[in-house]
Amino acid sequence: MLSTVAYGVIPPVARAVWRPTVEGLHHVPMSGPVIVASNHLSFFDSVVIPVVVPRKVAFLAKSDYFTGTGVKGTLVRAWFEGLGMLPVDRDDTRAAIASLDTALDVLGKGGAFGIYPEGTRSRDGRLYRGRTGVAHLALTSGAPVVPVGLVGTEDIQPVGANRPRLGRVDVTVRFGEPITVAGEYDGVPTGRARRELTDRIMAAIAGLSGQELAGVYNERPADAS
């Protein structure tokens, strides 16, 4: 299958081209369900994390990337499937619920799921407030959350750029200690538990990325890709 071949080829080639600095990779469990929660600076974040983690990390991607036709459509689909990405229709009003169901399915099968609690890319470099979907996934599945701080990925493919830069870019990927949830929020009202856990996760990400805190939610522009 083309996507299987792509999965074997893309990570080593990408590591050779961009040569990211990776710290704390030992914090990512090599088996069992895990949520990889990261800050979000560039479209390429969903490439950088999967190519440095030695197990498949599933991220969501626009369904349009999976429906192209001809040779180009086939290659694009193989690229995204090879990186473990899963299609989601972001224009569907039910997409948010569907994406959480997809994530829980991945975790239920013992997989790794990648998520950006900010919801969309930061266009000014600040770290925005986390949305509680990440905590919902952790509390529902019982999976640990590994916080990730990305630094410099916006230089690989800046917002608005159609293609990534080739050659060495100063990128660092920092993985923090897993945040476990089992038994920690027993008896805590659901809404409060989700908010508190989300804030813990975002604090860990901030410590890893060194970003300035925005203190507000980040809204996706209507014309964002």
N, C-alpha and C. Protein backbone atom coordinates (compact mmCIF):
# COMPACT_ATOMS: atom_id res chain seq x y z
N MET A 1 0.85 -1.19 0.00
CA MET A 1 0.00 0.00 0.00
C MET A 1 0.88 1.24 0.00
N LEU A 2 0.53 2.23 -0.81
CA LEU A 2 1.36 3.41 -0.98
C LEU A 2 1.58 4.16 0.32
N SER A 3 0.53 4.26 1.15
CA SER A 3 0.67 4.99 2.41
C SER A 3 1.64 4.30 3.36
N THR A 4 1.71 2.96 3.30
CA THR A 4 2.65 2.22 4.14
C THR A 4 4.08 2.51 3.72
N VAL A 5 4.29 2.55 2.41
CA VAL A 5 5.62 2.89 1.88
C VAL A 5 5.98 4.32 2.31
N ALA A 6 5.02 5.22 2.19
CA ALA A 6 5.26 6.62 2.56
C ALA A 6 5.65 6.73 4.03
N TYR A 7 4.99 5.94 4.90
CA TYR A 7 5.30 6.00 6.32
C TYR A 7 6.74 5.56 6.59
N GLY A 8 7.24 4.65 5.78
CA GLY A 8 8.61 4.19 5.96
C GLY A 8 9.64 5.15 5.38
N VAL A 9 9.21 6.00 4.45
CA VAL A 9 10.14 6.90 3.75
C VAL A 9 10.13 8.32 4.31
N ILE A 10 8.94 8.87 4.58
CA ILE A 10 8.81 10.28 4.94
C ILE A 10 9.59 10.66 6.19
N PRO A 11 9.43 9.94 7.32
CA PRO A 11 10.13 10.38 8.54
C PRO A 11 11.65 10.51 8.40
N PRO A 12 12.35 9.49 7.89
CA PRO A 12 13.82 9.65 7.79
C PRO A 12 14.24 10.75 6.82
N VAL A 13 13.50 10.91 5.72
CA VAL A 13 13.83 11.97 4.77
C VAL A 13 13.60 13.34 5.40
N ALA A 14 12.47 13.50 6.09
CA ALA A 14 12.17 14.78 6.73
C ALA A 14 13.19 15.12 7.81
N ARG A 15 13.60 14.13 8.58
CA ARG A 15 14.61 14.38 9.63
C ARG A 15 15.94 14.80 9.00
N ALA A 16 16.28 14.20 7.86
CA ALA A 16 17.53 14.54 7.19
C ALA A 16 17.48 15.95 6.61
N VAL A 17 16.31 16.36 6.12
CA VAL A 17 16.18 17.68 5.49
C VAL A 17 16.18 18.79 6.54
N TRP A 18 15.36 18.65 7.60
CA TRP A 18 15.20 19.75 8.56
C TRP A 18 16.02 19.57 9.84
N ARG A 19 16.44 18.36 10.13
CA ARG A 19 17.31 18.07 11.27
C ARG A 19 16.88 18.78 12.56
N PRO A 20 15.66 18.51 13.01
CA PRO A 20 15.18 19.15 14.24
C PRO A 20 15.93 18.66 15.48
N THR A 21 16.08 19.54 16.45
CA THR A 21 16.62 19.16 17.75
C THR A 21 15.48 18.59 18.58
N VAL A 22 15.66 17.41 19.13
CA VAL A 22 14.60 16.74 19.88
C VAL A 22 15.04 16.53 21.32
N GLU A 23 14.20 16.95 22.26
CA GLU A 23 14.50 16.80 23.68
C GLU A 23 13.36 16.08 24.38
N GLY A 24 13.71 15.19 25.29
CA GLY A 24 12.71 14.53 26.13
C GLY A 24 11.88 13.47 25.43
N LEU A 25 12.38 12.93 24.34
CA LEU A 25 11.60 11.94 23.60
C LEU A 25 11.26 10.71 24.44
N HIS A 26 12.09 10.44 25.45
CA HIS A 26 11.84 9.28 26.31
C HIS A 26 10.54 9.42 27.11
N HIS A 27 9.96 10.61 27.14
CA HIS A 27 8.70 10.80 27.85
C HIS A 27 7.51 10.22 27.08
N VAL A 28 7.69 9.95 25.81
CA VAL A 28 6.59 9.41 25.00
C VAL A 28 6.58 7.89 25.12
N PRO A 29 5.53 7.30 25.71
CA PRO A 29 5.48 5.85 25.82
C PRO A 29 5.43 5.21 24.44
N MET A 30 6.14 4.12 24.29
CA MET A 30 6.23 3.47 22.98
C MET A 30 5.07 2.55 22.68
N SER A 31 4.18 2.37 23.65
CA SER A 31 2.99 1.56 23.41
C SER A 31 1.88 2.07 24.33
N GLY A 32 0.65 1.70 23.98
CA GLY A 32 -0.49 2.11 24.78
C GLY A 32 -1.00 3.48 24.38
N PRO A 33 -2.22 3.81 24.79
CA PRO A 33 -2.82 5.09 24.42
C PRO A 33 -2.10 6.26 25.04
N VAL A 34 -1.92 7.32 24.26
CA VAL A 34 -1.29 8.54 24.76
C VAL A 34 -1.78 9.72 23.93
N ILE A 35 -1.96 10.84 24.60
CA ILE A 35 -2.36 12.08 23.93
C ILE A 35 -1.14 12.98 23.86
N VAL A 36 -0.78 13.39 22.67
CA VAL A 36 0.36 14.29 22.47
C VAL A 36 -0.20 15.69 22.24
N ALA A 37 -0.07 16.56 23.23
CA ALA A 37 -0.68 17.89 23.19
C ALA A 37 0.39 18.96 22.98
N SER A 38 0.27 19.70 21.88
CA SER A 38 1.32 20.63 21.50
C SER A 38 0.82 22.05 21.26
N ASN A 39 1.75 23.02 21.36
CA ASN A 39 1.46 24.35 20.86
C ASN A 39 1.41 24.28 19.33
N HIS A 40 0.93 25.33 18.68
CA HIS A 40 0.68 25.25 17.24
C HIS A 40 1.14 26.54 16.56
N LEU A 41 2.24 26.43 15.81
CA LEU A 41 2.84 27.59 15.16
C LEU A 41 2.76 27.54 13.64
N SER A 42 2.63 26.34 13.09
CA SER A 42 2.71 26.18 11.64
C SER A 42 1.92 24.97 11.18
N PHE A 43 1.49 25.00 9.93
CA PHE A 43 0.86 23.83 9.33
C PHE A 43 1.78 22.62 9.46
N PHE A 44 3.09 22.88 9.43
CA PHE A 44 4.06 21.78 9.42
C PHE A 44 4.25 21.12 10.79
N ASP A 45 3.61 21.65 11.82
CA ASP A 45 3.70 21.02 13.14
C ASP A 45 3.24 19.56 13.08
N SER A 46 2.21 19.31 12.27
CA SER A 46 1.65 17.96 12.17
C SER A 46 2.54 17.03 11.37
N VAL A 47 3.62 17.56 10.81
CA VAL A 47 4.63 16.74 10.14
C VAL A 47 5.81 16.54 11.08
N VAL A 48 6.22 17.61 11.73
CA VAL A 48 7.41 17.55 12.58
C VAL A 48 7.26 16.55 13.71
N ILE A 49 6.13 16.59 14.41
CA ILE A 49 5.95 15.67 15.54
C ILE A 49 5.94 14.21 15.10
N PRO A 50 5.14 13.83 14.08
CA PRO A 50 5.16 12.42 13.66
C PRO A 50 6.52 11.92 13.17
N VAL A 51 7.33 12.79 12.56
CA VAL A 51 8.60 12.29 12.03
C VAL A 51 9.66 12.11 13.10
N VAL A 52 9.48 12.69 14.30
CA VAL A 52 10.48 12.51 15.35
C VAL A 52 10.07 11.48 16.39
N VAL A 53 8.79 11.12 16.41
CA VAL A 53 8.31 10.12 17.37
C VAL A 53 8.36 8.74 16.72
N PRO A 54 9.02 7.76 17.32
CA PRO A 54 9.16 6.44 16.71
C PRO A 54 7.93 5.55 16.85
N ARG A 55 6.76 6.15 16.82
CA ARG A 55 5.50 5.42 16.71
C ARG A 55 4.53 6.35 16.01
N LYS A 56 3.53 5.80 15.38
CA LYS A 56 2.62 6.63 14.61
C LYS A 56 1.77 7.50 15.54
N VAL A 57 1.74 8.80 15.25
CA VAL A 57 0.91 9.75 15.99
C VAL A 57 -0.14 10.29 15.03
N ALA A 58 -1.39 10.04 15.32
CA ALA A 58 -2.48 10.45 14.43
C ALA A 58 -2.89 11.89 14.72
N PHE A 59 -2.88 12.71 13.68
CA PHE A 59 -3.41 14.07 13.76
C PHE A 59 -4.59 14.18 12.80
N LEU A 60 -5.44 15.15 13.04
CA LEU A 60 -6.54 15.41 12.12
C LEU A 60 -6.09 16.37 11.03
N ALA A 61 -6.60 16.17 9.82
CA ALA A 61 -6.29 17.06 8.70
C ALA A 61 -7.55 17.26 7.87
N LYS A 62 -7.59 18.37 7.15
CA LYS A 62 -8.76 18.66 6.33
C LYS A 62 -9.07 17.51 5.37
N SER A 63 -10.32 17.15 5.27
CA SER A 63 -10.73 16.04 4.42
C SER A 63 -10.38 16.27 2.95
N ASP A 64 -10.25 17.55 2.56
CA ASP A 64 -9.91 17.86 1.17
C ASP A 64 -8.60 17.22 0.74
N TYR A 65 -7.68 17.04 1.68
CA TYR A 65 -6.38 16.46 1.35
C TYR A 65 -6.48 14.98 0.97
N PHE A 66 -7.60 14.36 1.27
CA PHE A 66 -7.75 12.92 1.04
C PHE A 66 -8.64 12.60 -0.16
N THR A 67 -9.15 13.63 -0.83
CA THR A 67 -10.15 13.39 -1.87
C THR A 67 -9.68 13.80 -3.26
N GLY A 68 -8.41 14.18 -3.41
CA GLY A 68 -7.90 14.58 -4.71
C GLY A 68 -7.87 13.42 -5.69
N THR A 69 -7.87 13.74 -6.97
CA THR A 69 -7.85 12.72 -8.01
C THR A 69 -6.56 12.79 -8.81
N GLY A 70 -6.35 11.77 -9.65
CA GLY A 70 -5.16 11.74 -10.48
C GLY A 70 -3.91 11.43 -9.68
N VAL A 71 -2.77 11.59 -10.35
CA VAL A 71 -1.49 11.27 -9.71
C VAL A 71 -1.23 12.18 -8.51
N LYS A 72 -1.47 13.48 -8.67
CA LYS A 72 -1.23 14.42 -7.58
C LYS A 72 -2.10 14.08 -6.37
N GLY A 73 -3.39 13.82 -6.62
CA GLY A 73 -4.30 13.49 -5.52
C GLY A 73 -3.86 12.23 -4.80
N THR A 74 -3.39 11.25 -5.54
CA THR A 74 -2.94 10.00 -4.95
C THR A 74 -1.70 10.22 -4.08
N LEU A 75 -0.78 11.03 -4.58
CA LEU A 75 0.45 11.29 -3.83
C LEU A 75 0.18 12.09 -2.57
N VAL A 76 -0.70 13.10 -2.67
CA VAL A 76 -1.05 13.91 -1.50
C VAL A 76 -1.72 13.04 -0.44
N ARG A 77 -2.65 12.19 -0.88
CA ARG A 77 -3.33 11.30 0.06
C ARG A 77 -2.34 10.34 0.72
N ALA A 78 -1.40 9.81 -0.05
CA ALA A 78 -0.40 8.89 0.50
C ALA A 78 0.49 9.60 1.53
N TRP A 79 0.81 10.88 1.23
CA TRP A 79 1.63 11.67 2.15
C TRP A 79 0.94 11.82 3.51
N PHE A 80 -0.33 12.23 3.48
CA PHE A 80 -1.05 12.45 4.73
C PHE A 80 -1.35 11.14 5.45
N GLU A 81 -1.73 10.12 4.72
CA GLU A 81 -1.99 8.82 5.36
C GLU A 81 -0.69 8.22 5.90
N GLY A 82 0.41 8.44 5.17
CA GLY A 82 1.69 7.92 5.61
C GLY A 82 2.16 8.53 6.91
N LEU A 83 1.73 9.77 7.18
CA LEU A 83 2.07 10.43 8.44
C LEU A 83 1.07 10.12 9.55
N GLY A 84 0.06 9.31 9.21
CA GLY A 84 -0.91 8.92 10.22
C GLY A 84 -2.04 9.90 10.40
N MET A 85 -2.21 10.83 9.47
CA MET A 85 -3.27 11.82 9.61
C MET A 85 -4.63 11.25 9.23
N LEU A 86 -5.66 11.80 9.88
CA LEU A 86 -7.02 11.33 9.68
C LEU A 86 -7.88 12.47 9.16
N PRO A 87 -8.77 12.20 8.20
CA PRO A 87 -9.58 13.27 7.61
C PRO A 87 -10.69 13.76 8.52
N VAL A 88 -10.93 15.08 8.48
CA VAL A 88 -12.06 15.66 9.20
C VAL A 88 -12.59 16.82 8.37
N ASP A 89 -13.89 16.94 8.30
CA ASP A 89 -14.53 18.02 7.55
C ASP A 89 -14.73 19.20 8.48
N ARG A 90 -13.84 20.18 8.41
CA ARG A 90 -13.90 21.31 9.35
C ARG A 90 -15.06 22.24 9.06
N ASP A 91 -15.68 22.10 7.89
CA ASP A 91 -16.81 22.96 7.57
C ASP A 91 -18.14 22.37 8.04
N ASP A 92 -18.08 21.13 8.53
CA ASP A 92 -19.26 20.48 9.06
C ASP A 92 -19.49 20.96 10.48
N THR A 93 -20.70 21.38 10.78
CA THR A 93 -20.98 21.90 12.12
C THR A 93 -20.81 20.83 13.19
N ARG A 94 -20.83 19.58 12.79
CA ARG A 94 -20.65 18.48 13.74
C ARG A 94 -19.21 18.00 13.81
N ALA A 95 -18.30 18.73 13.13
CA ALA A 95 -16.92 18.28 13.02
C ALA A 95 -16.23 18.15 14.37
N ALA A 96 -16.51 19.09 15.29
CA ALA A 96 -15.85 19.05 16.59
C ALA A 96 -16.19 17.77 17.35
N ILE A 97 -17.45 17.40 17.34
CA ILE A 97 -17.87 16.17 18.01
C ILE A 97 -17.28 14.96 17.31
N ALA A 98 -17.33 14.98 15.97
CA ALA A 98 -16.81 13.87 15.20
C ALA A 98 -15.31 13.69 15.44
N SER A 99 -14.58 14.81 15.55
CA SER A 99 -13.13 14.72 15.77
C SER A 99 -12.82 14.10 17.13
N LEU A 100 -13.61 14.43 18.15
CA LEU A 100 -13.40 13.83 19.47
C LEU A 100 -13.69 12.34 19.44
N ASP A 101 -14.72 11.95 18.70
CA ASP A 101 -15.04 10.53 18.56
C ASP A 101 -13.91 9.80 17.85
N THR A 102 -13.35 10.43 16.82
CA THR A 102 -12.23 9.84 16.09
C THR A 102 -11.03 9.66 17.01
N ALA A 103 -10.76 10.68 17.82
CA ALA A 103 -9.64 10.61 18.75
C ALA A 103 -9.84 9.51 19.78
N LEU A 104 -11.04 9.40 20.32
CA LEU A 104 -11.31 8.36 21.31
C LEU A 104 -11.18 6.97 20.69
N ASP A 105 -11.52 6.85 19.41
CA ASP A 105 -11.37 5.57 18.72
C ASP A 105 -9.89 5.20 18.62
N VAL A 106 -9.05 6.17 18.27
CA VAL A 106 -7.60 5.93 18.19
C VAL A 106 -7.05 5.53 19.54
N LEU A 107 -7.44 6.26 20.59
CA LEU A 107 -6.95 5.96 21.93
C LEU A 107 -7.47 4.62 22.42
N GLY A 108 -8.73 4.31 22.08
CA GLY A 108 -9.31 3.04 22.50
C GLY A 108 -8.61 1.84 21.90
N LYS A 109 -7.94 2.06 20.77
CA LYS A 109 -7.18 0.99 20.12
C LYS A 109 -5.72 1.00 20.54
N GLY A 110 -5.41 1.80 21.55
CA GLY A 110 -4.04 1.84 22.06
C GLY A 110 -3.11 2.72 21.27
N GLY A 111 -3.66 3.66 20.47
CA GLY A 111 -2.84 4.50 19.63
C GLY A 111 -2.46 5.82 20.28
N ALA A 112 -1.65 6.58 19.54
CA ALA A 112 -1.24 7.91 19.98
C ALA A 112 -2.00 8.95 19.15
N PHE A 113 -2.55 9.94 19.82
CA PHE A 113 -3.33 10.97 19.12
C PHE A 113 -2.73 12.33 19.42
N GLY A 114 -2.49 13.11 18.36
CA GLY A 114 -1.94 14.44 18.52
C GLY A 114 -3.01 15.51 18.45
N ILE A 115 -2.90 16.51 19.31
CA ILE A 115 -3.92 17.56 19.36
C ILE A 115 -3.28 18.89 19.72
N TYR A 116 -3.87 19.96 19.20
CA TYR A 116 -3.45 21.32 19.52
C TYR A 116 -4.55 21.96 20.36
N PRO A 117 -4.37 22.04 21.67
CA PRO A 117 -5.43 22.60 22.52
C PRO A 117 -5.82 24.03 22.17
N GLU A 118 -4.91 24.79 21.55
CA GLU A 118 -5.25 26.17 21.15
C GLU A 118 -6.33 26.19 20.08
N GLY A 119 -6.44 25.11 19.33
CA GLY A 119 -7.47 25.00 18.31
C GLY A 119 -7.03 25.39 16.92
N THR A 120 -6.17 26.37 16.80
CA THR A 120 -5.66 26.81 15.50
C THR A 120 -4.30 27.45 15.70
N ARG A 121 -3.60 27.70 14.61
CA ARG A 121 -2.24 28.21 14.69
C ARG A 121 -2.18 29.62 15.29
N SER A 122 -1.13 29.83 16.06
CA SER A 122 -0.87 31.17 16.58
C SER A 122 -0.23 32.00 15.47
N ARG A 123 -0.81 33.15 15.19
CA ARG A 123 -0.28 34.00 14.13
C ARG A 123 0.61 35.12 14.65
N ASP A 124 0.76 35.18 15.96
CA ASP A 124 1.64 36.20 16.52
C ASP A 124 2.69 35.62 17.46
N GLY A 125 2.77 34.28 17.51
CA GLY A 125 3.80 33.63 18.31
C GLY A 125 3.45 33.43 19.76
N ARG A 126 2.32 33.99 20.21
CA ARG A 126 1.93 33.81 21.61
C ARG A 126 1.20 32.48 21.80
N LEU A 127 1.15 32.02 23.04
CA LEU A 127 0.44 30.79 23.36
C LEU A 127 -0.95 31.16 23.86
N TYR A 128 -1.97 30.65 23.17
CA TYR A 128 -3.35 31.00 23.51
C TYR A 128 -3.94 30.02 24.51
N ARG A 129 -5.06 30.41 25.08
CA ARG A 129 -5.72 29.58 26.09
C ARG A 129 -6.18 28.27 25.47
N GLY A 130 -6.06 27.19 26.23
CA GLY A 130 -6.43 25.88 25.72
C GLY A 130 -7.92 25.62 25.81
N ARG A 131 -8.43 24.97 24.80
CA ARG A 131 -9.83 24.53 24.81
C ARG A 131 -9.89 23.16 25.48
N THR A 132 -11.01 22.85 26.10
CA THR A 132 -11.07 21.71 27.00
C THR A 132 -11.26 20.35 26.32
N GLY A 133 -11.25 20.32 24.99
CA GLY A 133 -11.37 19.03 24.31
C GLY A 133 -10.26 18.07 24.69
N VAL A 134 -9.05 18.59 24.89
CA VAL A 134 -7.93 17.73 25.26
C VAL A 134 -8.17 17.07 26.61
N ALA A 135 -8.76 17.82 27.56
CA ALA A 135 -9.06 17.24 28.87
C ALA A 135 -10.19 16.23 28.77
N HIS A 136 -11.17 16.51 27.91
CA HIS A 136 -12.26 15.54 27.70
C HIS A 136 -11.69 14.22 27.23
N LEU A 137 -10.75 14.26 26.29
CA LEU A 137 -10.14 13.03 25.79
C LEU A 137 -9.40 12.28 26.89
N ALA A 138 -8.63 13.02 27.67
CA ALA A 138 -7.84 12.38 28.72
C ALA A 138 -8.72 11.78 29.81
N LEU A 139 -9.72 12.54 30.25
CA LEU A 139 -10.58 12.06 31.33
C LEU A 139 -11.49 10.93 30.88
N THR A 140 -11.88 10.94 29.61
CA THR A 140 -12.75 9.88 29.10
C THR A 140 -11.97 8.60 28.84
N SER A 141 -10.79 8.73 28.27
CA SER A 141 -10.00 7.55 27.88
C SER A 141 -9.06 7.07 28.98
N GLY A 142 -8.69 7.98 29.90
CA GLY A 142 -7.71 7.62 30.92
C GLY A 142 -6.28 7.67 30.42
N ALA A 143 -6.09 8.10 29.17
CA ALA A 143 -4.75 8.15 28.57
C ALA A 143 -3.93 9.29 29.16
N PRO A 144 -2.63 9.08 29.34
CA PRO A 144 -1.77 10.18 29.80
C PRO A 144 -1.60 11.21 28.70
N VAL A 145 -1.26 12.43 29.10
CA VAL A 145 -1.04 13.51 28.15
C VAL A 145 0.43 13.90 28.18
N VAL A 146 1.09 13.84 27.03
CA VAL A 146 2.48 14.28 26.93
C VAL A 146 2.49 15.68 26.32
N PRO A 147 2.87 16.70 27.09
CA PRO A 147 2.91 18.06 26.55
C PRO A 147 4.12 18.23 25.64
N VAL A 148 3.95 19.05 24.60
CA VAL A 148 5.03 19.28 23.65
C VAL A 148 5.20 20.79 23.42
N GLY A 149 6.43 21.24 23.41
CA GLY A 149 6.72 22.62 23.08
C GLY A 149 7.51 22.68 21.78
N LEU A 150 6.92 23.25 20.75
CA LEU A 150 7.59 23.41 19.47
C LEU A 150 8.18 24.81 19.39
N VAL A 151 9.40 24.89 18.89
CA VAL A 151 10.07 26.19 18.72
C VAL A 151 10.64 26.25 17.31
N GLY A 152 10.27 27.29 16.55
CA GLY A 152 10.86 27.50 15.24
C GLY A 152 10.16 26.87 14.07
N THR A 153 9.08 26.12 14.28
CA THR A 153 8.41 25.47 13.15
C THR A 153 7.77 26.47 12.19
N GLU A 154 7.48 27.67 12.70
CA GLU A 154 6.91 28.69 11.81
C GLU A 154 7.91 29.11 10.73
N ASP A 155 9.20 28.80 10.93
CA ASP A 155 10.21 29.14 9.92
C ASP A 155 10.29 28.08 8.83
N ILE A 156 9.74 26.88 9.08
CA ILE A 156 9.69 25.86 8.03
C ILE A 156 8.63 26.23 7.01
N GLN A 157 7.46 26.55 7.50
CA GLN A 157 6.38 26.96 6.61
C GLN A 157 5.58 28.06 7.30
N PRO A 158 5.97 29.31 7.08
CA PRO A 158 5.28 30.43 7.71
C PRO A 158 3.81 30.48 7.32
N VAL A 159 2.99 31.08 8.17
CA VAL A 159 1.58 31.24 7.86
C VAL A 159 1.44 31.98 6.53
N GLY A 160 0.66 31.40 5.62
CA GLY A 160 0.46 32.00 4.31
C GLY A 160 1.33 31.41 3.23
N ALA A 161 2.40 30.68 3.59
CA ALA A 161 3.27 30.06 2.60
C ALA A 161 2.62 28.80 2.04
N ASN A 162 2.82 28.55 0.76
CA ASN A 162 2.20 27.39 0.10
C ASN A 162 3.05 26.14 0.20
N ARG A 163 4.33 26.28 0.47
CA ARG A 163 5.20 25.11 0.54
C ARG A 163 6.29 25.34 1.58
N PRO A 164 6.83 24.25 2.13
CA PRO A 164 7.87 24.38 3.16
C PRO A 164 9.22 24.77 2.57
N ARG A 165 10.05 25.36 3.41
CA ARG A 165 11.42 25.65 3.02
C ARG A 165 12.25 24.38 3.14
N LEU A 166 13.16 24.20 2.23
CA LEU A 166 14.05 23.05 2.28
C LEU A 166 15.37 23.48 2.90
N GLY A 167 16.06 22.53 3.51
CA GLY A 167 17.32 22.84 4.14
C GLY A 167 17.17 23.00 5.64
N ARG A 168 18.27 23.19 6.33
CA ARG A 168 18.29 23.26 7.78
C ARG A 168 17.52 24.48 8.29
N VAL A 169 16.62 24.23 9.22
CA VAL A 169 15.87 25.27 9.90
C VAL A 169 16.04 25.01 11.40
N ASP A 170 16.21 26.06 12.18
CA ASP A 170 16.44 25.90 13.62
C ASP A 170 15.12 25.58 14.32
N VAL A 171 14.85 24.28 14.44
CA VAL A 171 13.60 23.80 15.04
C VAL A 171 13.92 22.91 16.23
N THR A 172 13.19 23.13 17.31
CA THR A 172 13.34 22.29 18.51
C THR A 172 11.99 21.71 18.89
N VAL A 173 11.99 20.43 19.22
CA VAL A 173 10.78 19.74 19.67
C VAL A 173 11.06 19.22 21.08
N ARG A 174 10.34 19.76 22.07
CA ARG A 174 10.56 19.35 23.46
C ARG A 174 9.35 18.60 24.00
N PHE A 175 9.58 17.40 24.48
CA PHE A 175 8.53 16.59 25.09
C PHE A 175 8.67 16.64 26.60
N GLY A 176 7.56 16.92 27.28
CA GLY A 176 7.58 17.01 28.73
C GLY A 176 7.13 15.72 29.40
N GLU A 177 7.20 15.71 30.71
CA GLU A 177 6.77 14.54 31.47
C GLU A 177 5.27 14.32 31.29
N PRO A 178 4.86 13.05 31.16
CA PRO A 178 3.43 12.76 30.99
C PRO A 178 2.60 13.26 32.16
N ILE A 179 1.44 13.78 31.84
CA ILE A 179 0.47 14.20 32.85
C ILE A 179 -0.58 13.10 32.93
N THR A 180 -0.67 12.45 34.08
CA THR A 180 -1.61 11.36 34.24
C THR A 180 -2.89 11.87 34.91
N VAL A 181 -3.99 11.22 34.61
CA VAL A 181 -5.28 11.69 35.12
C VAL A 181 -6.01 10.65 35.95
N ALA A 182 -5.57 9.40 35.90
CA ALA A 182 -6.28 8.33 36.58
C ALA A 182 -6.46 8.62 38.07
N GLY A 183 -7.72 8.76 38.50
CA GLY A 183 -8.04 8.96 39.90
C GLY A 183 -7.81 10.36 40.43
N GLU A 184 -7.22 11.25 39.63
CA GLU A 184 -6.89 12.58 40.13
C GLU A 184 -8.07 13.54 40.19
N TYR A 185 -9.11 13.25 39.43
CA TYR A 185 -10.25 14.16 39.39
C TYR A 185 -11.55 13.49 39.82
N ASP A 186 -11.42 12.40 40.55
CA ASP A 186 -12.61 11.72 41.06
C ASP A 186 -13.38 12.66 41.97
N GLY A 187 -14.67 12.80 41.72
CA GLY A 187 -15.51 13.65 42.54
C GLY A 187 -15.51 15.11 42.17
N VAL A 188 -14.64 15.49 41.23
CA VAL A 188 -14.60 16.89 40.79
C VAL A 188 -15.64 17.09 39.68
N PRO A 189 -16.47 18.13 39.76
CA PRO A 189 -17.46 18.37 38.71
C PRO A 189 -16.80 18.37 37.33
N THR A 190 -17.49 17.80 36.34
CA THR A 190 -16.90 17.60 35.02
C THR A 190 -16.32 18.87 34.42
N GLY A 191 -17.09 19.94 34.40
CA GLY A 191 -16.61 21.19 33.81
C GLY A 191 -15.37 21.72 34.48
N ARG A 192 -15.36 21.66 35.81
CA ARG A 192 -14.20 22.15 36.56
C ARG A 192 -12.98 21.26 36.29
N ALA A 193 -13.20 19.95 36.25
CA ALA A 193 -12.09 19.03 36.01
C ALA A 193 -11.46 19.27 34.64
N ARG A 194 -12.30 19.48 33.64
CA ARG A 194 -11.78 19.72 32.29
C ARG A 194 -10.99 21.02 32.23
N ARG A 195 -11.50 22.06 32.89
CA ARG A 195 -10.81 23.35 32.85
C ARG A 195 -9.48 23.27 33.59
N GLU A 196 -9.49 22.66 34.76
CA GLU A 196 -8.26 22.57 35.55
C GLU A 196 -7.20 21.75 34.83
N LEU A 197 -7.61 20.63 34.25
CA LEU A 197 -6.65 19.78 33.56
C LEU A 197 -6.11 20.48 32.32
N THR A 198 -6.99 21.13 31.59
CA THR A 198 -6.53 21.87 30.40
C THR A 198 -5.52 22.93 30.77
N ASP A 199 -5.78 23.65 31.85
CA ASP A 199 -4.84 24.69 32.28
C ASP A 199 -3.50 24.08 32.70
N ARG A 200 -3.51 22.92 33.32
CA ARG A 200 -2.27 22.22 33.68
C ARG A 200 -1.48 21.89 32.42
N ILE A 201 -2.18 21.38 31.43
CA ILE A 201 -1.52 20.99 30.18
C ILE A 201 -0.92 22.21 29.49
N MET A 202 -1.67 23.31 29.45
CA MET A 202 -1.17 24.51 28.79
C MET A 202 0.02 25.11 29.55
N ALA A 203 0.01 25.01 30.86
CA ALA A 203 1.13 25.51 31.66
C ALA A 203 2.39 24.71 31.35
N ALA A 204 2.22 23.39 31.17
CA ALA A 204 3.36 22.53 30.83
C ALA A 204 3.89 22.87 29.44
N ILE A 205 2.97 23.10 28.49
CA ILE A 205 3.38 23.47 27.13
C ILE A 205 4.13 24.80 27.15
N ALA A 206 3.62 25.77 27.92
CA ALA A 206 4.27 27.07 28.02
C ALA A 206 5.69 26.95 28.56
N GLY A 207 5.86 26.07 29.55
CA GLY A 207 7.18 25.87 30.12
C GLY A 207 8.16 25.28 29.12
N LEU A 208 7.64 24.49 28.19
CA LEU A 208 8.49 23.85 27.18
C LEU A 208 8.77 24.77 25.99
N SER A 209 7.78 25.57 25.61
CA SER A 209 7.93 26.41 24.42
C SER A 209 8.51 27.79 24.72
N GLY A 210 8.33 28.26 25.97
CA GLY A 210 8.82 29.57 26.34
C GLY A 210 8.03 30.72 25.75
N GLN A 211 6.82 30.44 25.28
CA GLN A 211 6.01 31.48 24.65
C GLN A 211 5.36 32.43 25.66
N GLU A 212 5.10 33.63 25.20
CA GLU A 212 4.31 34.58 25.98
C GLU A 212 2.86 34.11 25.98
N LEU A 213 2.19 34.23 27.11
CA LEU A 213 0.80 33.81 27.21
C LEU A 213 -0.13 34.90 26.70
N ALA A 214 -1.06 34.53 25.83
CA ALA A 214 -2.01 35.50 25.30
C ALA A 214 -3.15 35.77 26.28
N GLY A 215 -3.54 34.74 27.04
CA GLY A 215 -4.59 34.90 28.04
C GLY A 215 -6.00 34.87 27.49
N VAL A 216 -6.13 34.65 26.17
CA VAL A 216 -7.45 34.59 25.53
C VAL A 216 -7.45 33.42 24.56
N TYR A 217 -8.64 33.07 24.07
CA TYR A 217 -8.74 32.02 23.06
C TYR A 217 -8.31 32.53 21.70
N ASN A 218 -7.80 31.62 20.89
CA ASN A 218 -7.40 31.95 19.53
C ASN A 218 -8.52 31.54 18.58
N GLU A 219 -8.99 32.47 17.77
CA GLU A 219 -10.07 32.17 16.83
C GLU A 219 -9.51 31.98 15.43
N ARG A 220 -10.00 30.96 14.74
CA ARG A 220 -9.51 30.68 13.38
C ARG A 220 -10.13 31.66 12.40
N PRO A 221 -9.28 32.39 11.63
CA PRO A 221 -9.82 33.31 10.63
C PRO A 221 -10.70 32.58 9.62
N ALA A 222 -11.69 33.27 9.10
CA ALA A 222 -12.63 32.64 8.17
C ALA A 222 -11.95 32.09 6.94
N ASP A 223 -10.83 32.70 6.52
CA ASP A 223 -10.15 32.24 5.31
C ASP A 223 -8.94 31.40 5.60
N ALA A 224 -8.79 30.93 6.88
CA ALA A 224 -7.62 30.13 7.22
C ALA A 224 -7.69 28.77 6.61
N SER A 225 -6.53 28.23 6.22
CA SER A 225 -6.47 26.89 5.64
C SER A 225 -6.16 25.87 6.70
